[in-house]
Protein backbone atom coordinates (compact mmCIF):
# COMPACT_ATOMS: atom_id res chain seq x y z
CA UNK A 1 57.50 -11.15 -41.93
CA UNK A 2 58.92 -8.51 -39.60
CA UNK A 3 61.80 -9.74 -37.47
CA UNK A 4 60.67 -7.95 -34.34
CA UNK A 5 57.20 -9.53 -34.09
CA UNK A 6 58.29 -12.11 -31.51
CA UNK A 7 60.15 -9.55 -29.39
CA UNK A 8 57.24 -7.11 -29.56
CA UNK A 9 54.70 -9.70 -28.50
CA UNK A 10 56.73 -10.98 -25.58
CA UNK A 11 57.30 -7.43 -24.39
CA UNK A 12 53.62 -6.63 -24.86
CA UNK A 13 52.21 -9.56 -22.93
CA UNK A 14 54.78 -10.53 -20.35
CA UNK A 15 53.92 -7.58 -18.15
CA UNK A 16 54.06 -8.70 -14.55
CA UNK A 17 50.96 -7.97 -12.47
CA UNK A 18 51.32 -5.80 -9.40
CA UNK A 19 48.70 -7.28 -7.15
CA UNK A 20 48.79 -5.42 -3.84
CA UNK A 21 47.77 -7.65 -0.97
CA UNK A 22 46.40 -5.58 1.91
CA UNK A 23 45.24 -7.47 4.98
CA UNK A 24 42.25 -6.28 6.97
CA UNK A 25 42.86 -4.40 10.16
CA UNK A 26 42.40 -6.44 13.29
CA UNK A 27 42.44 -3.69 15.89
CA UNK A 28 39.48 -1.64 14.59
CA UNK A 29 36.01 -2.99 13.84
CA UNK A 30 33.73 -0.08 12.79
CA UNK A 31 30.64 -1.92 11.56
CA UNK A 32 30.37 -5.66 11.26
CA UNK A 33 28.42 -5.54 8.00
CA UNK A 34 30.93 -3.13 6.45
CA UNK A 35 33.84 -5.36 7.40
CA UNK A 36 32.07 -8.42 5.98
CA UNK A 37 31.31 -6.56 2.76
CA UNK A 38 34.91 -5.36 2.43
CA UNK A 39 36.21 -8.89 2.98
CA UNK A 40 33.75 -10.32 0.43
CA UNK A 41 34.86 -7.79 -2.19
CA UNK A 42 38.51 -8.58 -1.46
CA UNK A 43 37.88 -12.31 -1.87
CA UNK A 44 36.26 -11.65 -5.26
CA UNK A 45 39.20 -9.48 -6.30
CA UNK A 46 41.63 -12.22 -5.23
CA UNK A 47 39.76 -14.78 -7.33
CA UNK A 48 39.88 -12.41 -10.30
CA UNK A 49 43.60 -11.82 -9.79
CA UNK A 50 44.25 -15.57 -9.88
CA UNK A 51 42.29 -15.78 -13.12
CA UNK A 52 44.41 -12.97 -14.58
CA UNK A 53 47.58 -14.76 -13.51
CA UNK A 54 46.44 -17.89 -15.35
CA UNK A 55 45.62 -15.83 -18.45
CA UNK A 56 49.03 -14.18 -18.31
CA UNK A 57 50.76 -17.56 -17.99
CA UNK A 58 48.76 -18.90 -20.96
CA UNK A 59 49.69 -15.89 -23.07
CA UNK A 60 53.31 -16.38 -22.15
CA UNK A 61 53.21 -20.03 -23.22
CA UNK A 62 51.55 -19.11 -26.52
CA UNK A 63 54.14 -16.41 -27.15
CA UNK A 64 56.93 -18.92 -26.48
CA UNK A 65 55.30 -21.48 -28.77
CA UNK A 66 54.96 -18.88 -31.54
CA UNK A 67 58.60 -17.93 -31.09
CA UNK A 68 59.62 -21.57 -31.51
CA UNK A 69 57.34 -21.92 -34.55
CA UNK A 70 58.82 -18.80 -36.12
CA UNK A 71 62.32 -20.22 -35.74
CA UNK A 72 61.23 -23.61 -37.16
CA UNK A 73 59.69 -21.91 -40.22
CA UNK A 74 62.85 -19.89 -40.70
CA UNK A 75 65.07 -22.99 -40.54
CA UNK A 76 62.82 -24.81 -43.02
CA UNK A 77 63.08 -21.84 -45.39
CA UNK A 78 66.85 -22.10 -45.18
CA UNK A 79 66.76 -25.85 -45.79
CA UNK A 80 64.38 -25.43 -48.76
CA UNK A 81 66.55 -22.75 -50.28
CA UNK A 82 69.54 -25.09 -50.08
CA UNK A 83 67.44 -27.95 -51.48
CA UNK A 84 66.17 -25.98 -54.47
CA UNK A 85 69.70 -24.69 -55.14
CA UNK A 86 71.01 -28.27 -55.28
CA UNK A 87 68.06 -29.27 -57.48
CA UNK A 88 68.73 -26.40 -59.90
CA UNK A 89 72.42 -27.28 -60.16
CA UNK A 90 71.72 -30.95 -60.83
CA UNK A 91 68.93 -30.07 -63.30
CA UNK A 92 71.36 -27.91 -65.24
CA UNK A 93 73.86 -30.77 -65.34
CA UNK A 94 71.17 -33.17 -66.42
CA UNK A 95 70.05 -30.89 -69.26
CA UNK A 96 73.58 -30.48 -70.53
CA UNK A 97 74.28 -34.19 -70.39
CA UNK A 98 70.95 -35.80 -71.23
CA UNK A 99 68.41 -33.42 -72.77
CA UNK A 100 67.81 -34.11 -76.52
CA UNK A 101 70.32 -36.93 -76.60
CA UNK A 102 69.73 -40.10 -78.67
CA UNK A 103 71.16 -43.31 -77.28
CA UNK A 104 71.91 -46.41 -79.37
CA UNK A 105 71.46 -49.81 -77.84
CA UNK A 106 74.41 -51.25 -79.76
CA UNK A 107 76.73 -48.73 -78.11
CA UNK A 108 77.61 -49.82 -74.54
CA UNK A 109 79.01 -46.39 -73.65
CA UNK A 110 75.84 -44.60 -74.69
CA UNK A 111 73.68 -47.16 -72.87
CA UNK A 112 75.62 -46.48 -69.68
CA UNK A 113 75.04 -42.75 -70.06
CA UNK A 114 71.34 -43.40 -70.72
CA UNK A 115 71.12 -45.35 -67.45
CA UNK A 116 72.77 -42.51 -65.58
CA UNK A 117 70.36 -40.04 -67.18
CA UNK A 118 67.34 -42.13 -66.21
CA UNK A 119 68.60 -42.38 -62.62
CA UNK A 120 69.22 -38.63 -62.47
CA UNK A 121 65.80 -37.91 -64.01
CA UNK A 122 64.16 -40.04 -61.32
CA UNK A 123 66.09 -38.19 -58.58
CA UNK A 124 65.12 -34.83 -60.01
CA UNK A 125 61.46 -35.81 -60.21
CA UNK A 126 61.36 -37.09 -56.62
CA UNK A 127 63.41 -34.17 -55.28
CA UNK A 128 61.17 -31.59 -56.93
CA UNK A 129 58.03 -33.29 -55.64
CA UNK A 130 59.47 -33.49 -52.12
CA UNK A 131 60.72 -29.91 -52.09
CA UNK A 132 57.45 -28.60 -53.55
CA UNK A 133 55.44 -30.48 -50.91
CA UNK A 134 57.65 -29.19 -48.10
CA UNK A 135 57.40 -25.64 -49.42
CA UNK A 136 53.63 -25.86 -49.59
CA UNK A 137 53.52 -27.19 -46.02
CA UNK A 138 55.89 -24.47 -44.78
CA UNK A 139 53.88 -21.76 -46.56
CA UNK A 140 50.75 -23.01 -44.80
CA UNK A 141 52.62 -23.01 -41.47
CA UNK A 142 53.61 -19.40 -42.08
CA UNK A 143 49.99 -18.44 -42.81
CA UNK A 144 48.87 -20.14 -39.59
CA UNK A 145 51.74 -18.52 -37.70
CA UNK A 146 50.62 -15.06 -38.83
CA UNK A 147 47.06 -15.87 -37.78
CA UNK A 148 48.38 -16.98 -34.41
CA UNK A 149 50.36 -13.76 -34.04
CA UNK A 150 47.30 -11.64 -34.88
CA UNK A 151 45.11 -13.62 -32.46
CA UNK A 152 47.70 -13.40 -29.71
CA UNK A 153 47.88 -9.63 -30.16
CA UNK A 154 44.08 -9.40 -29.85
CA UNK A 155 44.08 -11.65 -26.77
CA UNK A 156 46.97 -9.67 -25.26
CA UNK A 157 45.06 -6.42 -25.73
CA UNK A 158 41.98 -8.01 -24.14
CA UNK A 159 44.10 -9.23 -21.23
CA UNK A 160 45.61 -5.78 -20.73
CA UNK A 161 42.12 -4.25 -20.65
CA UNK A 162 41.03 -6.82 -18.04
CA UNK A 163 44.14 -6.16 -15.97
CA UNK A 164 43.57 -2.40 -16.03
CA UNK A 165 39.93 -2.92 -15.07
CA UNK A 166 41.04 -5.12 -12.16
CA UNK A 167 43.56 -2.52 -11.03
CA UNK A 168 40.86 0.17 -11.10
CA UNK A 169 38.57 -2.02 -8.96
CA UNK A 170 41.46 -2.79 -6.61
CA UNK A 171 42.18 0.90 -6.21
CA UNK A 172 38.51 1.64 -5.53
CA UNK A 173 38.44 -1.19 -2.98
CA UNK A 174 41.54 0.19 -1.25
CA UNK A 175 40.01 3.67 -1.02
CA UNK A 176 36.78 2.20 0.34
CA UNK A 177 38.61 0.05 2.85
CA UNK A 178 40.72 2.95 4.11
CA UNK A 179 37.59 5.02 4.74
CA UNK A 180 36.14 2.24 6.87
CA UNK A 181 39.06 0.61 8.59
CA UNK A 182 42.06 2.28 10.19
CA UNK A 183 45.25 0.58 8.99
CA UNK A 184 47.19 -1.44 11.54
CA UNK A 185 50.81 -0.61 12.26
CA UNK A 186 51.83 -3.56 10.11
CA UNK A 187 49.76 -2.26 7.19
CA UNK A 188 51.34 1.18 7.52
CA UNK A 189 54.79 -0.39 7.44
CA UNK A 190 53.95 -2.59 4.45
CA UNK A 191 52.45 0.37 2.59
CA UNK A 192 55.70 2.31 3.11
CA UNK A 193 57.99 -0.45 1.81
CA UNK A 194 57.27 -0.21 -1.97
CA UNK A 195 58.19 3.48 -2.14
CA UNK A 196 61.56 2.75 -0.53
CA UNK A 197 62.21 -0.09 -2.97
CA UNK A 198 61.19 2.08 -5.93
CA UNK A 199 64.09 4.40 -5.05
CA UNK A 200 66.55 1.67 -6.05
CA UNK A 201 68.06 2.73 -9.37
CA UNK A 202 69.77 -0.54 -10.33
CA UNK A 203 66.92 -2.46 -11.98
CA UNK A 204 68.62 -5.85 -11.60
CA UNK A 205 68.97 -5.38 -7.85
CA UNK A 206 65.40 -4.09 -7.58
CA UNK A 207 64.08 -7.12 -9.47
CA UNK A 208 66.08 -9.52 -7.29
CA UNK A 209 64.75 -7.97 -4.09
CA UNK A 210 61.14 -8.06 -5.32
CA UNK A 211 61.45 -11.69 -6.39
CA UNK A 212 63.51 -13.17 -3.57
CA UNK A 213 63.26 -11.15 -0.36
CA UNK A 214 60.35 -11.69 2.01
CA UNK A 215 59.13 -8.92 4.31
CA UNK A 216 58.26 -9.92 7.86
CA UNK A 217 56.68 -7.65 10.46
CA UNK A 218 57.58 -7.98 14.12
CA UNK A 219 54.91 -6.19 16.15
CA UNK A 220 56.72 -5.09 19.30
CA UNK A 221 55.50 -1.97 21.06
CA UNK A 222 57.69 0.35 23.10
CA UNK A 223 56.32 -1.24 26.27
CA UNK A 224 57.32 -4.69 25.02
CA UNK A 225 60.76 -3.79 23.68
CA UNK A 226 62.42 -5.38 26.73
CA UNK A 227 61.25 -8.75 25.40
CA UNK A 228 63.46 -8.41 22.29
CA UNK A 229 67.07 -9.62 22.15
CA UNK A 230 69.32 -6.86 23.58
CA UNK A 231 71.09 -6.20 20.26
CA UNK A 232 67.77 -5.62 18.49
CA UNK A 233 66.07 -3.31 20.98
CA UNK A 234 67.57 -0.11 19.60
CA UNK A 235 68.19 -1.31 16.05
CA UNK A 236 66.72 0.65 13.16
CA UNK A 237 64.33 -1.39 11.07
CA UNK A 238 64.55 -3.43 8.90
CA UNK A 239 67.33 -5.89 9.60
CA UNK A 240 68.31 -8.97 7.64
CA UNK A 241 67.15 -12.53 8.23
CA UNK A 242 68.10 -15.58 6.19
CA UNK A 243 65.84 -14.77 3.23
CA UNK A 244 63.87 -11.87 4.62
CA UNK A 245 63.90 -8.36 5.97
CA UNK A 246 62.39 -7.97 9.41
CA UNK A 247 60.47 -4.76 10.03
CA UNK A 248 59.19 -3.21 13.25
CA UNK A 249 57.17 -0.07 13.89
CA UNK A 250 60.48 1.82 14.11
CA UNK A 251 60.56 1.81 10.27
CA UNK A 252 57.78 4.42 10.32
CA UNK A 253 59.96 6.73 12.43
CA UNK A 254 62.76 6.75 9.86
CA UNK A 255 63.08 9.44 7.22
CA UNK A 256 62.49 8.50 3.58
CA UNK A 257 66.24 8.48 2.71
CA UNK A 258 66.98 6.35 5.76
CA UNK A 259 64.30 3.82 4.79
CA UNK A 260 65.89 3.54 1.35
CA UNK A 261 69.37 3.18 2.85
CA UNK A 262 68.34 0.48 5.28
CA UNK A 263 66.41 -1.64 2.79
CA UNK A 264 69.22 -1.51 0.21
CA UNK A 265 71.91 -2.22 2.82
CA UNK A 266 70.09 -5.04 4.61
CA UNK A 267 68.93 -6.58 1.31
CA UNK A 268 72.62 -6.81 0.42
CA UNK A 269 73.15 -8.90 3.55
CA UNK A 270 70.27 -11.18 2.53
CA UNK A 271 71.80 -11.55 -0.93
CA UNK A 272 75.19 -12.44 0.57
CA UNK A 273 73.66 -14.99 2.97
CA UNK A 274 71.87 -16.74 0.10
CA UNK A 275 74.66 -16.53 -2.47
CA UNK A 276 77.89 -16.85 -0.47
CA UNK A 277 78.43 -20.47 -1.51
CA UNK A 278 77.66 -19.86 -5.20
CA UNK A 279 80.59 -20.00 -7.67
CA UNK A 280 81.74 -16.70 -9.16
CA UNK A 281 84.67 -17.89 -11.27
CA UNK A 282 88.25 -19.06 -10.93
CA UNK A 283 87.04 -21.93 -8.76
CA UNK A 284 85.98 -19.57 -5.96
CA UNK A 285 82.69 -19.10 -4.15
CA UNK A 286 81.27 -15.65 -3.55
CA UNK A 287 82.48 -15.62 0.08
CA UNK A 288 86.00 -16.77 -0.89
CA UNK A 289 86.27 -14.12 -3.59
CA UNK A 290 84.77 -11.33 -1.48
CA UNK A 291 87.14 -11.88 1.47
CA UNK A 292 90.13 -10.83 -0.63
CA UNK A 293 88.15 -8.25 -2.59
CA UNK A 294 86.92 -6.45 0.55
CA UNK A 295 90.42 -6.28 1.98
CA UNK A 296 91.83 -4.88 -1.26
CA UNK A 297 89.12 -2.21 -1.57
CA UNK A 298 88.70 -1.29 2.11
CA UNK A 299 89.07 2.47 1.52
CA UNK A 300 86.42 2.48 -1.22
CA UNK A 301 84.02 0.49 0.96
CA UNK A 302 84.50 2.99 3.80
CA UNK A 303 83.67 5.79 1.35
CA UNK A 304 80.54 3.90 0.33
CA UNK A 305 79.54 3.57 3.97
CA UNK A 306 79.84 7.35 4.36
CA UNK A 307 78.30 8.19 0.98
CA UNK A 308 75.13 10.24 0.80
CA UNK A 309 71.86 9.05 -0.62
CA UNK A 310 71.03 11.50 -3.42
CA UNK A 311 67.42 11.73 -2.24
CA UNK A 312 68.58 13.58 0.86
CA UNK A 313 71.63 11.98 2.40
CA UNK A 314 71.99 9.72 5.39
CA UNK A 315 70.14 11.46 8.25
CA UNK A 316 72.33 12.53 11.14
CA UNK A 317 71.59 11.99 14.80
CA UNK A 318 70.67 15.65 14.98
CA UNK A 319 67.61 14.84 12.89
CA UNK A 320 66.45 12.27 15.40
CA UNK A 321 67.40 9.16 13.42
CA UNK A 322 69.99 6.43 13.80
CA UNK A 323 72.80 6.13 11.25
CA UNK A 324 73.88 2.76 9.85
CA UNK A 325 76.52 1.86 12.40
CA UNK A 326 77.75 -1.51 11.09
CA UNK A 327 81.55 -1.39 10.60
CA UNK A 328 82.76 -1.25 7.00
CA UNK A 329 85.48 -3.83 7.69
CA UNK A 330 83.03 -6.58 8.74
CA UNK A 331 82.46 -9.01 5.84
CA UNK A 332 78.68 -9.08 5.54
CA UNK A 333 78.36 -5.37 6.28
CA UNK A 334 81.07 -4.53 3.75
CA UNK A 335 79.08 -6.42 1.13
CA UNK A 336 75.93 -4.57 2.21
CA UNK A 337 77.60 -1.17 1.79
CA UNK A 338 78.73 -1.91 -1.79
CA UNK A 339 75.32 -3.41 -2.57
CA UNK A 340 73.65 -0.27 -1.21
CA UNK A 341 76.00 2.04 -3.13
CA UNK A 342 75.26 0.24 -6.39
CA UNK A 343 71.52 -0.10 -5.71
CA UNK A 344 70.97 3.60 -4.93
CA UNK A 345 73.72 4.98 -7.21
CA UNK A 346 75.14 6.93 -4.29
CA UNK A 347 77.10 10.14 -4.62
CA UNK A 348 80.80 9.47 -5.19
CA UNK A 349 83.56 11.23 -3.22
CA UNK A 350 84.88 14.45 -4.75
CA UNK A 351 88.51 13.34 -4.72
CA UNK A 352 89.48 12.10 -8.22
CA UNK A 353 91.64 9.23 -6.96
CA UNK A 354 88.85 8.10 -4.62
CA UNK A 355 86.39 8.28 -7.53
CA UNK A 356 88.63 6.05 -9.65
CA UNK A 357 88.93 3.51 -6.84
CA UNK A 358 85.14 3.65 -6.34
CA UNK A 359 84.53 2.96 -10.04
CA UNK A 360 87.07 0.13 -10.05
CA UNK A 361 85.44 -1.45 -6.99
CA UNK A 362 81.94 -1.20 -8.46
CA UNK A 363 83.06 -2.56 -11.83
CA UNK A 364 84.63 -5.69 -10.34
CA UNK A 365 81.72 -6.09 -7.93
CA UNK A 366 79.21 -5.98 -10.80
CA UNK A 367 81.25 -8.46 -12.83
CA UNK A 368 80.85 -11.09 -10.10
CA UNK A 369 77.43 -10.15 -8.75
CA UNK A 370 75.35 -9.50 -11.88
CA UNK A 371 75.30 -13.19 -12.99
CA UNK A 372 74.04 -14.15 -9.52
CA UNK A 373 71.32 -11.49 -9.68
CA UNK A 374 69.91 -13.36 -12.70
CA UNK A 375 70.25 -16.84 -11.18
CA UNK A 376 67.11 -16.89 -9.00
């Protein structure tokens, strides 16, 4: 039995589905029948996606069960090997002591040995029967396990084919929808978000954002901007909420590098808000540890604030965009700048001493942050 079967199967079937949810435009109604047809098709696709999610969950449970069964079979093999070894050793002792011996009833010493031999013979008989029965049962379990592995592989391949077929239909639906309905501003913003997140190079951070951060759209036009809180009127979008990033139409005005910078930076603030009371070692919470850490590495954090995004750099005001203005010494912002630097793998300063301090800061930051990235 190949050792990597369980790992291969889990990797093969636990492929997360990327189901893109695109809401229908509300500001354009071309033809009522077309809109109804589009909505009907989307409903059918949603039902199919739920079915695929259930299939994926079932495959995952079966893969886990097979993994547990594989381990149980392995442990029984080990136990049987130990059992047969003990049996062989005692059988050898029995043969040396008892096989071919003649015992005389008028000799008490020989009668005692005969009793011991009978007792040992009974043990050997029972032990062999028990071990043989267990081995037969375990061999059957292994046969069934291999059948289960083969069937799971077939079912996994069938699931993958269904998923790819669904994705093709979803793509066709999206193309059809976009030819009929003009996307709303919110849809345009939401369609631009995945590309910015894909630019994140640290896979752990990317996974955490995708799993834990909600994206909220605040539809405020230029004419209505006076209704927003004063500090938010001229803010680039997105900005951080408790467990979300809040986007406005201003996100569409940002350059691609700036979108990446803002999402990584503000997602760091969301992470800090949700994890600041979590323990990170030495009896300290994240916020307690980071207060001293930020003060000790203030120069490196300032360099991270000024660092360029390798996809094009932080846009300057001369390009018609707003730079991230949050001060590097402020606690939450300082965390956001390191989070952004690690997420986007930003360009380090050219000075060797500054590079060493950068690496030291990132290394200690990762040591405390990486366990929390896996915790939710």
